[in-house]
Amino acid sequence: MPIDYARRRHLDYRGLLPDELWSEICQSTLITPGAGFKADITRSVLFERLSGLPAIRSPFAVNSNEFRSKAAAFPRFLTPDFTARLDEACRQFLDDHDLTEEPATWHPPLDLLGGLDLPGGDPSNIDITELHRLVRAENLAFTDIADQLGTTIDAVRHILELHPAPVQLTPSQRQSRGIPFAAVKMQLPKPTLVDLYQHQRLSLDQIAHRVGSNDRSIARLIRMYEIPLRTRAERTRVAIDPDWLREQYVTHGRTLTDIGREVGLSVSRMGRRAKAHNITIRPPGGSTTGHRTLELAPIFTQRIDPHFDACSCELVAHGAAAEPGDGGGGQVGLAQYG
């Protein structure tokens, strides 16, 4: 169906790709969101796609050489996942303006161009695999890519918009772009995190240990899901059976770090607990065995109600017994990029 571009050009585009949606798209596709300029460039590119007007005329555009340069280079930063989410954002914007019957974009049938002597090669003949290699592995400028492929810069941009280049990252780049957090988010959907944090009342450290992450990532996910953090009055005090602690640390040779992860306490607090029970602390690296005990920790969690003087205690079993030969392997995060 042809698009009524006259109507499209009179739409209010200030609601295109709102901040909340932009943040969610970046987090789910592992794209670095930037400080605002990147989002406005993306909105301007989508404005051009939907309205047919130049990106520089969008309500988000900045009249500067930097803006024009980055808008022109935008196809380089597209990935398959990122492109799919932007397409969804365009579709949602049109639906919100009662344009459910119109496609996001449209072009006349290509057979109308048959027999015409057009400049440059046929874009459909471009080797997409080689194009992706030149963009990602070689990181060449569009002008150099066009020269090597015997085509035009506009054709390079067009093919990258249709067939975004997957990204190849080194392990350090994956870490810096938040790959572990993306994996944590996949392992901990909101209902699961609510159950662990609010119902089972596990600590951030305990939850992080379960998914092979850290407490900062769990805290970030809690904020993203808008799960209320525990107040000071709701926090728990953990009382550890001295005999159990001595058995785990002295007899089984577990480290304080290992025990602390099971009970939700830091290594420094575990050290203070051990000293309070006259347990001699080994020097760093002094673990006597690498085996985990199969016995669950008999830990009492005391919740203090600020309206009463008494404390109510309940028995909580922390951790899960490992099967023999389990090896203690962790879960592996996904290697995705944005």
C-alpha atoms as a PDB file:
ATOM      1  CA  MET A   1       0.000   0.000   0.000  1.00  0.00           C
ATOM      2  CA  PRO A   2       1.453   3.449  -0.919  1.00  0.00           C
ATOM      3  CA  ILE A   3       2.138   5.793   1.967  1.00  0.00           C
ATOM      4  CA  ASP A   4       0.424   9.133   2.496  1.00  0.00           C
ATOM      5  CA  TYR A   5       3.648  11.076   3.021  1.00  0.00           C
ATOM      6  CA  ALA A   6       1.792  14.394   3.068  1.00  0.00           C
ATOM      7  CA  ARG A   7       0.050  13.230   6.229  1.00  0.00           C
ATOM      8  CA  ARG A   8       3.230  11.709   7.641  1.00  0.00           C
ATOM      9  CA  ARG A   9       5.054  15.029   7.366  1.00  0.00           C
ATOM     10  CA  HIS A  10       2.487  16.699   9.614  1.00  0.00           C
ATOM     11  CA  LEU A  11       2.728  14.160  12.431  1.00  0.00           C
ATOM     12  CA  ASP A  12       4.168  15.191  15.787  1.00  0.00           C
ATOM     13  CA  TYR A  13       7.428  13.248  15.966  1.00  0.00           C
ATOM     14  CA  ARG A  14       8.421  14.446  19.420  1.00  0.00           C
ATOM     15  CA  GLY A  15       7.057  11.191  20.858  1.00  0.00           C
ATOM     16  CA  LEU A  16       9.160   9.006  18.565  1.00  0.00           C
ATOM     17  CA  LEU A  17      11.407   6.607  20.484  1.00  0.00           C
ATOM     18  CA  PRO A  18      10.869   7.955  24.037  1.00  0.00           C
ATOM     19  CA  ASP A  19      13.709   7.789  26.535  1.00  0.00           C
ATOM     20  CA  GLU A  20      12.318   4.767  28.385  1.00  0.00           C
ATOM     21  CA  LEU A  21      12.009   2.754  25.178  1.00  0.00           C
ATOM     22  CA  TRP A  22      15.448   3.845  24.005  1.00  0.00           C
ATOM     23  CA  SER A  23      17.015   2.670  27.273  1.00  0.00           C
ATOM     24  CA  GLU A  24      15.187  -0.641  27.131  1.00  0.00           C
ATOM     25  CA  ILE A  25      16.219  -1.242  23.505  1.00  0.00           C
ATOM     26  CA  CYS A  26      19.856  -0.481  24.298  1.00  0.00           C
ATOM     27  CA  GLN A  27      19.858  -2.800  27.293  1.00  0.00           C
ATOM     28  CA  SER A  28      18.227  -5.668  25.410  1.00  0.00           C
ATOM     29  CA  THR A  29      20.464  -5.353  22.334  1.00  0.00           C
ATOM     30  CA  LEU A  30      23.682  -4.412  24.181  1.00  0.00           C
ATOM     31  CA  ILE A  31      23.990  -1.042  22.480  1.00  0.00           C
ATOM     32  CA  THR A  32      25.773   1.677  24.440  1.00  0.00           C
ATOM     33  CA  PRO A  33      23.018   4.310  24.944  1.00  0.00           C
ATOM     34  CA  GLY A  34      25.288   7.361  25.065  1.00  0.00           C
ATOM     35  CA  ALA A  35      24.484  10.605  26.828  1.00  0.00           C
ATOM     36  CA  GLY A  36      21.520  11.704  24.677  1.00  0.00           C
ATOM     37  CA  PHE A  37      23.151  12.760  21.404  1.00  0.00           C
ATOM     38  CA  LYS A  38      23.177   9.186  20.136  1.00  0.00           C
ATOM     39  CA  ALA A  39      19.480   8.787  20.897  1.00  0.00           C
ATOM     40  CA  ASP A  40      18.655  11.994  19.018  1.00  0.00           C
ATOM     41  CA  ILE A  41      20.629  10.836  15.980  1.00  0.00           C
ATOM     42  CA  THR A  42      18.699   7.557  16.042  1.00  0.00           C
ATOM     43  CA  ARG A  43      15.371   9.400  16.325  1.00  0.00           C
ATOM     44  CA  SER A  44      16.345  11.663  13.436  1.00  0.00           C
ATOM     45  CA  VAL A  45      17.208   8.679  11.246  1.00  0.00           C
ATOM     46  CA  LEU A  46      13.846   7.092  12.073  1.00  0.00           C
ATOM     47  CA  PHE A  47      12.160  10.423  11.351  1.00  0.00           C
ATOM     48  CA  GLU A  48      13.727  10.420   7.883  1.00  0.00           C
ATOM     49  CA  ARG A  49      12.620   6.846   7.312  1.00  0.00           C
ATOM     50  CA  LEU A  50       9.012   7.519   8.309  1.00  0.00           C
ATOM     51  CA  SER A  51       8.459  11.019   6.911  1.00  0.00           C
ATOM     52  CA  GLY A  52      10.626  11.015   3.795  1.00  0.00           C
ATOM     53  CA  LEU A  53      12.141  14.296   4.960  1.00  0.00           C
ATOM     54  CA  PRO A  54      15.882  14.754   5.614  1.00  0.00           C
ATOM     55  CA  ALA A  55      17.061  13.759   9.075  1.00  0.00           C
ATOM     56  CA  ILE A  56      18.349  17.285   9.646  1.00  0.00           C
ATOM     57  CA  ARG A  57      14.719  18.490   9.658  1.00  0.00           C
ATOM     58  CA  SER A  58      13.684  16.289  12.550  1.00  0.00           C
ATOM     59  CA  PRO A  59      12.783  17.934  15.880  1.00  0.00           C
ATOM     60  CA  PHE A  60      15.826  16.198  17.399  1.00  0.00           C
ATOM     61  CA  ALA A  61      18.409  17.345  14.860  1.00  0.00           C
ATOM     62  CA  VAL A  62      21.322  19.636  15.614  1.00  0.00           C
ATOM     63  CA  ASN A  63      22.595  21.898  12.852  1.00  0.00           C
ATOM     64  CA  SER A  64      26.232  20.878  13.067  1.00  0.00           C
ATOM     65  CA  ASN A  65      28.814  19.001  11.033  1.00  0.00           C
ATOM     66  CA  GLU A  66      29.134  16.430  13.813  1.00  0.00           C
ATOM     67  CA  PHE A  67      25.430  15.618  13.636  1.00  0.00           C
ATOM     68  CA  ARG A  68      25.483  15.261   9.845  1.00  0.00           C
ATOM     69  CA  SER A  69      28.577  13.093   9.952  1.00  0.00           C
ATOM     70  CA  LYS A  70      27.220  10.712  12.576  1.00  0.00           C
ATOM     71  CA  ALA A  71      23.809  10.497  10.930  1.00  0.00           C
ATOM     72  CA  ALA A  72      25.500   9.564   7.648  1.00  0.00           C
ATOM     73  CA  ALA A  73      27.553   6.888   9.428  1.00  0.00           C
ATOM     74  CA  PHE A  74      24.558   5.487  11.314  1.00  0.00           C
ATOM     75  CA  PRO A  75      24.185   2.295   9.182  1.00  0.00           C
ATOM     76  CA  ARG A  76      27.635   1.217  10.387  1.00  0.00           C
ATOM     77  CA  PHE A  77      26.341   0.908  13.950  1.00  0.00           C
ATOM     78  CA  LEU A  78      23.253  -1.124  13.105  1.00  0.00           C
ATOM     79  CA  THR A  79      23.143  -4.756  14.200  1.00  0.00           C
ATOM     80  CA  PRO A  80      20.421  -7.311  13.393  1.00  0.00           C
ATOM     81  CA  ASP A  81      18.895  -7.145  16.889  1.00  0.00           C
ATOM     82  CA  PHE A  82      19.139  -3.365  17.125  1.00  0.00           C
ATOM     83  CA  THR A  83      17.530  -2.936  13.697  1.00  0.00           C
ATOM     84  CA  ALA A  84      14.666  -5.261  14.586  1.00  0.00           C
ATOM     85  CA  ARG A  85      13.887  -3.284  17.738  1.00  0.00           C
ATOM     86  CA  LEU A  86      14.001   0.033  15.864  1.00  0.00           C
ATOM     87  CA  ASP A  87      11.592  -1.392  13.296  1.00  0.00           C
ATOM     88  CA  GLU A  88       9.252  -2.273  16.150  1.00  0.00           C
ATOM     89  CA  ALA A  89       9.529   1.277  17.504  1.00  0.00           C
ATOM     90  CA  CYS A  90       8.575   2.690  14.091  1.00  0.00           C
ATOM     91  CA  ARG A  91       5.624   0.331  13.869  1.00  0.00           C
ATOM     92  CA  GLN A  92       4.433   1.331  17.336  1.00  0.00           C
ATOM     93  CA  PHE A  93       4.712   5.032  16.488  1.00  0.00           C
ATOM     94  CA  LEU A  94       2.576   4.595  13.364  1.00  0.00           C
ATOM     95  CA  ASP A  95       0.004   2.508  15.227  1.00  0.00           C
ATOM     96  CA  ASP A  96      -0.261   5.208  17.891  1.00  0.00           C
ATOM     97  CA  HIS A  97      -1.170   7.655  15.112  1.00  0.00           C
ATOM     98  CA  ASP A  98      -3.846   5.385  13.604  1.00  0.00           C
ATOM     99  CA  LEU A  99      -1.669   4.414  10.641  1.00  0.00           C
ATOM    100  CA  THR A 100      -1.957   0.688  11.218  1.00  0.00           C
ATOM    101  CA  GLU A 101      -2.594  -0.050   7.537  1.00  0.00           C
ATOM    102  CA  GLU A 102       0.531   1.694   6.270  1.00  0.00           C
ATOM    103  CA  PRO A 103       3.950   0.035   6.148  1.00  0.00           C
ATOM    104  CA  ALA A 104       6.844   1.835   7.783  1.00  0.00           C
ATOM    105  CA  THR A 105       8.502   2.446   4.408  1.00  0.00           C
ATOM    106  CA  TRP A 106       7.615   1.935   0.760  1.00  0.00           C
ATOM    107  CA  HIS A 107       9.284   2.099  -2.621  1.00  0.00           C
ATOM    108  CA  PRO A 108       7.919   1.635  -6.137  1.00  0.00           C
ATOM    109  CA  PRO A 109       8.356  -1.751  -7.823  1.00  0.00           C
ATOM    110  CA  LEU A 110      11.959  -2.248  -8.891  1.00  0.00           C
ATOM    111  CA  ASP A 111      10.942  -3.515 -12.308  1.00  0.00           C
ATOM    112  CA  LEU A 112      10.136   0.087 -13.207  1.00  0.00           C
ATOM    113  CA  LEU A 113      13.896   0.603 -13.377  1.00  0.00           C
ATOM    114  CA  GLY A 114      14.367  -2.098 -15.973  1.00  0.00           C
ATOM    115  CA  GLY A 115      16.290  -0.958 -19.045  1.00  0.00           C
ATOM    116  CA  LEU A 116      17.522   2.255 -17.446  1.00  0.00           C
ATOM    117  CA  ASP A 117      21.234   3.099 -17.547  1.00  0.00           C
ATOM    118  CA  LEU A 118      21.874   4.001 -13.915  1.00  0.00           C
ATOM    119  CA  PRO A 119      25.208   5.047 -12.384  1.00  0.00           C
ATOM    120  CA  GLY A 120      27.099   2.530 -10.289  1.00  0.00           C
ATOM    121  CA  GLY A 121      26.588  -1.198  -9.995  1.00  0.00           C
ATOM    122  CA  ASP A 122      23.394  -2.987  -9.036  1.00  0.00           C
ATOM    123  CA  PRO A 123      23.225  -2.935  -5.196  1.00  0.00           C
ATOM    124  CA  SER A 124      21.711  -6.419  -5.235  1.00  0.00           C
ATOM    125  CA  ASN A 125      25.017  -7.727  -6.616  1.00  0.00           C
ATOM    126  CA  ILE A 126      27.036  -6.561  -3.613  1.00  0.00           C
ATOM    127  CA  ASP A 127      28.702  -9.393  -1.696  1.00  0.00           C
ATOM    128  CA  ILE A 128      27.093  -8.947   1.721  1.00  0.00           C
ATOM    129  CA  THR A 129      29.583 -11.186   3.522  1.00  0.00           C
ATOM    130  CA  GLU A 130      32.484  -9.172   2.139  1.00  0.00           C
ATOM    131  CA  LEU A 131      30.694  -5.923   2.983  1.00  0.00           C
ATOM    132  CA  HIS A 132      30.301  -7.033   6.586  1.00  0.00           C
ATOM    133  CA  ARG A 133      33.963  -7.999   6.767  1.00  0.00           C
ATOM    134  CA  LEU A 134      35.072  -4.605   5.454  1.00  0.00           C
ATOM    135  CA  VAL A 135      32.820  -2.830   7.951  1.00  0.00           C
ATOM    136  CA  ARG A 136      33.653  -4.883  11.051  1.00  0.00           C
ATOM    137  CA  ALA A 137      37.037  -6.563  10.622  1.00  0.00           C
ATOM    138  CA  GLU A 138      38.682  -3.899   8.467  1.00  0.00           C
ATOM    139  CA  ASN A 139      36.704  -0.938   9.851  1.00  0.00           C
ATOM    140  CA  LEU A 140      37.063   0.912   6.555  1.00  0.00           C
ATOM    141  CA  ALA A 141      35.393   4.195   5.715  1.00  0.00           C
ATOM    142  CA  PHE A 142      32.328   3.993   3.484  1.00  0.00           C
ATOM    143  CA  THR A 143      34.264   5.622   0.631  1.00  0.00           C
ATOM    144  CA  ASP A 144      36.931   2.893   0.757  1.00  0.00           C
ATOM    145  CA  ILE A 145      34.316   0.160   1.027  1.00  0.00           C
ATOM    146  CA  ALA A 146      32.472   1.529  -2.002  1.00  0.00           C
ATOM    147  CA  ASP A 147      35.721   1.602  -3.996  1.00  0.00           C
ATOM    148  CA  GLN A 148      36.597  -1.992  -3.123  1.00  0.00           C
ATOM    149  CA  LEU A 149      33.118  -3.257  -3.958  1.00  0.00           C
ATOM    150  CA  GLY A 150      32.791  -1.164  -7.114  1.00  0.00           C
ATOM    151  CA  THR A 151      29.658   0.597  -5.959  1.00  0.00           C
ATOM    152  CA  THR A 152      28.512   3.900  -4.421  1.00  0.00           C
ATOM    153  CA  ILE A 153      28.490   5.115  -0.824  1.00  0.00           C
ATOM    154  CA  ASP A 154      24.692   5.347  -0.925  1.00  0.00           C
ATOM    155  CA  ALA A 155      24.509   1.709  -2.018  1.00  0.00           C
ATOM    156  CA  VAL A 156      26.750   0.696   0.898  1.00  0.00           C
ATOM    157  CA  ARG A 157      24.510   2.526   3.360  1.00  0.00           C
ATOM    158  CA  HIS A 158      21.378   1.051   1.794  1.00  0.00           C
ATOM    159  CA  ILE A 159      22.612  -2.553   1.980  1.00  0.00           C
ATOM    160  CA  LEU A 160      23.746  -2.111   5.591  1.00  0.00           C
ATOM    161  CA  GLU A 161      20.280  -0.851   6.483  1.00  0.00           C
ATOM    162  CA  LEU A 162      18.721  -3.923   4.851  1.00  0.00           C
ATOM    163  CA  HIS A 163      21.375  -6.367   6.075  1.00  0.00           C
ATOM    164  CA  PRO A 164      23.006  -5.011   9.269  1.00  0.00           C
ATOM    165  CA  ALA A 165      26.472  -6.317  10.028  1.00  0.00           C
ATOM    166  CA  PRO A 166      26.854  -8.534  13.100  1.00  0.00           C
ATOM    167  CA  VAL A 167      29.612  -7.341  15.399  1.00  0.00           C
ATOM    168  CA  GLN A 168      32.754  -9.234  16.334  1.00  0.00           C
ATOM    169  CA  LEU A 169      34.068  -8.344  19.793  1.00  0.00           C
ATOM    170  CA  THR A 170      37.105  -9.301  21.807  1.00  0.00           C
ATOM    171  CA  PRO A 171      36.465 -10.653  25.348  1.00  0.00           C
ATOM    172  CA  SER A 172      37.483  -7.307  26.875  1.00  0.00           C
ATOM    173  CA  GLN A 173      35.081  -5.443  24.578  1.00  0.00           C
ATOM    174  CA  ARG A 174      32.295  -7.834  25.524  1.00  0.00           C
ATOM    175  CA  GLN A 175      32.975  -7.183  29.199  1.00  0.00           C
ATOM    176  CA  SER A 176      33.021  -3.399  28.740  1.00  0.00           C
ATOM    177  CA  ARG A 177      29.744  -3.447  26.817  1.00  0.00           C
ATOM    178  CA  GLY A 178      27.886  -5.301  29.531  1.00  0.00           C
ATOM    179  CA  ILE A 179      27.690  -8.852  28.234  1.00  0.00           C
ATOM    180  CA  PRO A 180      27.544 -10.312  31.764  1.00  0.00           C
ATOM    181  CA  PHE A 181      24.591  -8.046  32.597  1.00  0.00           C
ATOM    182  CA  ALA A 182      22.697  -9.150  29.482  1.00  0.00           C
ATOM    183  CA  ALA A 183      23.229 -12.765  30.482  1.00  0.00           C
ATOM    184  CA  VAL A 184      22.096 -12.013  34.051  1.00  0.00           C
ATOM    185  CA  LYS A 185      18.957 -10.324  32.753  1.00  0.00           C
ATOM    186  CA  MET A 186      18.103 -13.385  30.683  1.00  0.00           C
ATOM    187  CA  GLN A 187      18.601 -15.690  33.660  1.00  0.00           C
ATOM    188  CA  LEU A 188      16.641 -13.461  36.050  1.00  0.00           C
ATOM    189  CA  PRO A 189      13.337 -12.269  34.611  1.00  0.00           C
ATOM    190  CA  LYS A 190      11.398 -10.056  36.993  1.00  0.00           C
ATOM    191  CA  PRO A 191       9.197 -12.801  38.580  1.00  0.00           C
ATOM    192  CA  THR A 192      12.285 -14.892  39.363  1.00  0.00           C
ATOM    193  CA  LEU A 193      14.168 -11.979  40.901  1.00  0.00           C
ATOM    194  CA  VAL A 194      11.113 -10.952  42.946  1.00  0.00           C
ATOM    195  CA  ASP A 195      10.882 -14.486  44.336  1.00  0.00           C
ATOM    196  CA  LEU A 196      14.579 -14.682  45.217  1.00  0.00           C
ATOM    197  CA  TYR A 197      14.877 -11.191  46.682  1.00  0.00           C
ATOM    198  CA  GLN A 198      11.482 -10.535  48.256  1.00  0.00           C
ATOM    199  CA  HIS A 199      10.092 -13.981  49.049  1.00  0.00           C
ATOM    200  CA  GLN A 200      13.189 -16.078  49.725  1.00  0.00           C
ATOM    201  CA  ARG A 201      14.908 -12.933  51.009  1.00  0.00           C
ATOM    202  CA  LEU A 202      18.272 -13.814  49.520  1.00  0.00           C
ATOM    203  CA  SER A 203      20.951 -11.141  49.581  1.00  0.00           C
ATOM    204  CA  LEU A 204      22.331  -9.490  46.462  1.00  0.00           C
ATOM    205  CA  ASP A 205      25.529 -11.508  46.897  1.00  0.00           C
ATOM    206  CA  GLN A 206      23.637 -14.771  47.163  1.00  0.00           C
ATOM    207  CA  ILE A 207      21.595 -14.067  44.035  1.00  0.00           C
ATOM    208  CA  ALA A 208      24.708 -12.972  42.164  1.00  0.00           C
ATOM    209  CA  HIS A 209      26.518 -16.168  43.154  1.00  0.00           C
ATOM    210  CA  ARG A 210      23.689 -18.266  41.755  1.00  0.00           C
ATOM    211  CA  VAL A 211      24.021 -16.754  38.279  1.00  0.00           C
ATOM    212  CA  GLY A 212      27.766 -16.173  38.260  1.00  0.00           C
ATOM    213  CA  SER A 213      27.544 -12.386  38.477  1.00  0.00           C
ATOM    214  CA  ASN A 214      28.174  -9.666  41.065  1.00  0.00           C
ATOM    215  CA  ASP A 215      26.038  -7.653  43.458  1.00  0.00           C
ATOM    216  CA  ARG A 216      26.314  -4.486  41.339  1.00  0.00           C
ATOM    217  CA  SER A 217      24.614  -6.190  38.383  1.00  0.00           C
ATOM    218  CA  ILE A 218      21.864  -7.563  40.626  1.00  0.00           C
ATOM    219  CA  ALA A 219      21.282  -4.106  42.163  1.00  0.00           C
ATOM    220  CA  ARG A 220      21.100  -2.607  38.667  1.00  0.00           C
ATOM    221  CA  LEU A 221      18.555  -5.230  37.612  1.00  0.00           C
ATOM    222  CA  ILE A 222      16.465  -4.604  40.736  1.00  0.00           C
ATOM    223  CA  ARG A 223      16.352  -0.887  39.899  1.00  0.00           C
ATOM    224  CA  MET A 224      15.456  -1.652  36.276  1.00  0.00           C
ATOM    225  CA  TYR A 225      12.567  -3.876  37.384  1.00  0.00           C
ATOM    226  CA  GLU A 226      11.504  -1.236  39.933  1.00  0.00           C
ATOM    227  CA  ILE A 227      11.641  -3.766  42.784  1.00  0.00           C
ATOM    228  CA  PRO A 228      11.712  -1.920  46.143  1.00  0.00           C
ATOM    229  CA  LEU A 229      15.034  -2.282  47.925  1.00  0.00           C
ATOM    230  CA  ARG A 230      14.842  -3.381  51.531  1.00  0.00           C
ATOM    231  CA  THR A 231      14.807  -0.595  54.080  1.00  0.00           C
ATOM    232  CA  ARG A 232      17.207  -0.547  56.995  1.00  0.00           C
ATOM    233  CA  ALA A 233      14.457  -1.900  59.271  1.00  0.00           C
ATOM    234  CA  GLU A 234      13.740  -4.760  56.876  1.00  0.00           C
ATOM    235  CA  ARG A 235      17.313  -5.936  56.593  1.00  0.00           C
ATOM    236  CA  THR A 236      18.154  -9.204  58.262  1.00  0.00           C
ATOM    237  CA  ARG A 237      20.799 -10.230  60.730  1.00  0.00           C
ATOM    238  CA  VAL A 238      22.259 -13.666  60.095  1.00  0.00           C
ATOM    239  CA  ALA A 239      23.254 -15.825  63.064  1.00  0.00           C
ATOM    240  CA  ILE A 240      25.569 -18.705  62.140  1.00  0.00           C
ATOM    241  CA  ASP A 241      25.909 -21.867  64.206  1.00  0.00           C
ATOM    242  CA  PRO A 242      29.526 -21.745  65.545  1.00  0.00           C
ATOM    243  CA  ASP A 243      29.900 -25.532  65.320  1.00  0.00           C
ATOM    244  CA  TRP A 244      28.786 -25.524  61.695  1.00  0.00           C
ATOM    245  CA  LEU A 245      31.147 -22.661  60.854  1.00  0.00           C
ATOM    246  CA  ARG A 246      34.081 -24.456  62.524  1.00  0.00           C
ATOM    247  CA  GLU A 247      33.272 -27.668  60.663  1.00  0.00           C
ATOM    248  CA  GLN A 248      33.044 -25.924  57.282  1.00  0.00           C
ATOM    249  CA  TYR A 249      36.140 -23.755  57.731  1.00  0.00           C
ATOM    250  CA  VAL A 250      38.463 -26.025  59.739  1.00  0.00           C
ATOM    251  CA  THR A 251      37.387 -29.572  58.939  1.00  0.00           C
ATOM    252  CA  HIS A 252      36.308 -29.144  55.313  1.00  0.00           C
ATOM    253  CA  GLY A 253      38.833 -26.396  54.565  1.00  0.00           C
ATOM    254  CA  ARG A 254      36.404 -24.042  52.837  1.00  0.00           C
ATOM    255  CA  THR A 255      37.389 -20.400  52.466  1.00  0.00           C
ATOM    256  CA  LEU A 256      35.588 -17.577  54.223  1.00  0.00           C
ATOM    257  CA  THR A 257      34.715 -16.178  50.811  1.00  0.00           C
ATOM    258  CA  ASP A 258      33.033 -19.445  49.838  1.00  0.00           C
ATOM    259  CA  ILE A 259      31.140 -19.725  53.111  1.00  0.00           C
ATOM    260  CA  GLY A 260      30.179 -16.050  52.985  1.00  0.00           C
ATOM    261  CA  ARG A 261      28.621 -16.492  49.550  1.00  0.00           C
ATOM    262  CA  GLU A 262      26.471 -19.296  50.901  1.00  0.00           C
ATOM    263  CA  VAL A 263      25.192 -17.331  53.878  1.00  0.00           C
ATOM    264  CA  GLY A 264      25.106 -13.888  52.277  1.00  0.00           C
ATOM    265  CA  LEU A 265      27.910 -12.204  54.223  1.00  0.00           C
ATOM    266  CA  SER A 266      31.075 -10.488  53.060  1.00  0.00           C
ATOM    267  CA  VAL A 267      34.459 -12.085  53.715  1.00  0.00           C
ATOM    268  CA  SER A 268      35.313  -9.376  56.270  1.00  0.00           C
ATOM    269  CA  ARG A 269      32.150 -10.107  58.251  1.00  0.00           C
ATOM    270  CA  MET A 270      32.842 -13.822  58.055  1.00  0.00           C
ATOM    271  CA  GLY A 271      36.305 -13.135  59.434  1.00  0.00           C
ATOM    272  CA  ARG A 272      34.850 -11.253  62.389  1.00  0.00           C
ATOM    273  CA  ARG A 273      32.373 -14.063  63.046  1.00  0.00           C
ATOM    274  CA  ALA A 274      35.172 -16.639  62.980  1.00  0.00           C
ATOM    275  CA  LYS A 275      37.335 -14.614  65.397  1.00  0.00           C
ATOM    276  CA  ALA A 276      34.358 -14.123  67.712  1.00  0.00           C
ATOM    277  CA  HIS A 277      34.066 -17.912  67.940  1.00  0.00           C
ATOM    278  CA  ASN A 278      37.838 -18.341  68.523  1.00  0.00           C
ATOM    279  CA  ILE A 279      38.403 -19.907  65.115  1.00  0.00           C
ATOM    280  CA  THR A 280      41.962 -19.330  63.894  1.00  0.00           C
ATOM    281  CA  ILE A 281      42.008 -17.564  60.512  1.00  0.00           C
ATOM    282  CA  ARG A 282      44.200 -19.114  57.850  1.00  0.00           C
ATOM    283  CA  PRO A 283      46.465 -16.866  55.769  1.00  0.00           C
ATOM    284  CA  PRO A 284      45.266 -16.029  52.214  1.00  0.00           C
ATOM    285  CA  GLY A 285      45.353 -19.084  49.986  1.00  0.00           C
ATOM    286  CA  GLY A 286      45.297 -21.383  52.970  1.00  0.00           C
ATOM    287  CA  SER A 287      42.333 -23.515  51.942  1.00  0.00           C
ATOM    288  CA  THR A 288      42.992 -27.164  52.752  1.00  0.00           C
ATOM    289  CA  THR A 289      40.585 -28.659  50.231  1.00  0.00           C
ATOM    290  CA  GLY A 290      38.624 -27.637  47.176  1.00  0.00           C
ATOM    291  CA  HIS A 291      35.611 -29.812  47.969  1.00  0.00           C
ATOM    292  CA  ARG A 292      32.251 -28.379  48.989  1.00  0.00           C
ATOM    293  CA  THR A 293      30.309 -29.996  51.792  1.00  0.00           C
ATOM    294  CA  LEU A 294      26.924 -31.498  50.942  1.00  0.00           C
ATOM    295  CA  GLU A 295      25.458 -30.349  54.240  1.00  0.00           C
ATOM    296  CA  LEU A 296      23.228 -27.272  54.198  1.00  0.00           C
ATOM    297  CA  ALA A 297      24.009 -24.398  56.492  1.00  0.00           C
ATOM    298  CA  PRO A 298      21.773 -24.213  59.589  1.00  0.00           C
ATOM    299  CA  ILE A 299      21.326 -20.454  59.468  1.00  0.00           C
ATOM    300  CA  PHE A 300      18.814 -18.490  61.485  1.00  0.00           C
ATOM    301  CA  THR A 301      17.534 -15.271  59.985  1.00  0.00           C
ATOM    302  CA  GLN A 302      16.321 -12.719  62.515  1.00  0.00           C
ATOM    303  CA  ARG A 303      13.877 -10.124  61.237  1.00  0.00           C
ATOM    304  CA  ILE A 304      13.528  -7.165  63.554  1.00  0.00           C
ATOM    305  CA  ASP A 305      10.144  -5.485  63.671  1.00  0.00           C
ATOM    306  CA  PRO A 306      10.620  -1.830  64.656  1.00  0.00           C
ATOM    307  CA  HIS A 307       7.196  -1.829  66.363  1.00  0.00           C
ATOM    308  CA  PHE A 308       8.041  -4.639  68.772  1.00  0.00           C
ATOM    309  CA  ASP A 309      10.893  -5.407  71.150  1.00  0.00           C
ATOM    310  CA  ALA A 310      11.052  -9.091  70.344  1.00  0.00           C
ATOM    311  CA  CYS A 311      12.666 -10.703  67.330  1.00  0.00           C
ATOM    312  CA  SER A 312      11.003 -13.470  65.365  1.00  0.00           C
ATOM    313  CA  CYS A 313      13.288 -16.167  64.017  1.00  0.00           C
ATOM    314  CA  GLU A 314      12.795 -18.637  61.234  1.00  0.00           C
ATOM    315  CA  LEU A 315      15.028 -21.392  59.952  1.00  0.00           C
ATOM    316  CA  VAL A 316      16.286 -20.761  56.462  1.00  0.00           C
ATOM    317  CA  ALA A 317      18.191 -23.282  54.388  1.00  0.00           C
ATOM    318  CA  HIS A 318      20.657 -21.493  52.174  1.00  0.00           C
ATOM    319  CA  GLY A 319      22.235 -22.961  49.065  1.00  0.00           C
ATOM    320  CA  ALA A 320      21.607 -26.304  47.385  1.00  0.00           C
ATOM    321  CA  ALA A 321      23.382 -29.581  47.933  1.00  0.00           C
ATOM    322  CA  ALA A 322      25.734 -30.405  45.118  1.00  0.00           C
ATOM    323  CA  GLU A 323      25.724 -33.842  43.575  1.00  0.00           C
ATOM    324  CA  PRO A 324      29.022 -35.749  43.681  1.00  0.00           C
ATOM    325  CA  GLY A 325      31.050 -34.991  40.578  1.00  0.00           C
ATOM    326  CA  ASP A 326      29.078 -31.803  40.033  1.00  0.00           C
ATOM    327  CA  GLY A 327      32.311 -29.853  39.553  1.00  0.00           C
ATOM    328  CA  GLY A 328      30.759 -26.580  40.648  1.00  0.00           C
ATOM    329  CA  GLY A 329      30.456 -25.341  37.073  1.00  0.00           C
ATOM    330  CA  GLY A 330      28.762 -22.005  36.518  1.00  0.00           C
ATOM    331  CA  GLN A 331      26.453 -20.799  33.794  1.00  0.00           C
ATOM    332  CA  VAL A 332      27.959 -19.221  30.725  1.00  0.00           C
ATOM    333  CA  GLY A 333      26.771 -15.796  29.612  1.00  0.00           C
ATOM    334  CA  LEU A 334      25.703 -15.078  26.055  1.00  0.00           C
ATOM    335  CA  ALA A 335      28.189 -13.399  23.741  1.00  0.00           C
ATOM    336  CA  GLN A 336      26.059 -10.711  22.171  1.00  0.00           C
ATOM    337  CA  TYR A 337      26.841  -7.182  21.245  1.00  0.00           C
ATOM    338  CA  GLY A 338      25.192  -3.804  20.878  1.00  0.00           C
END
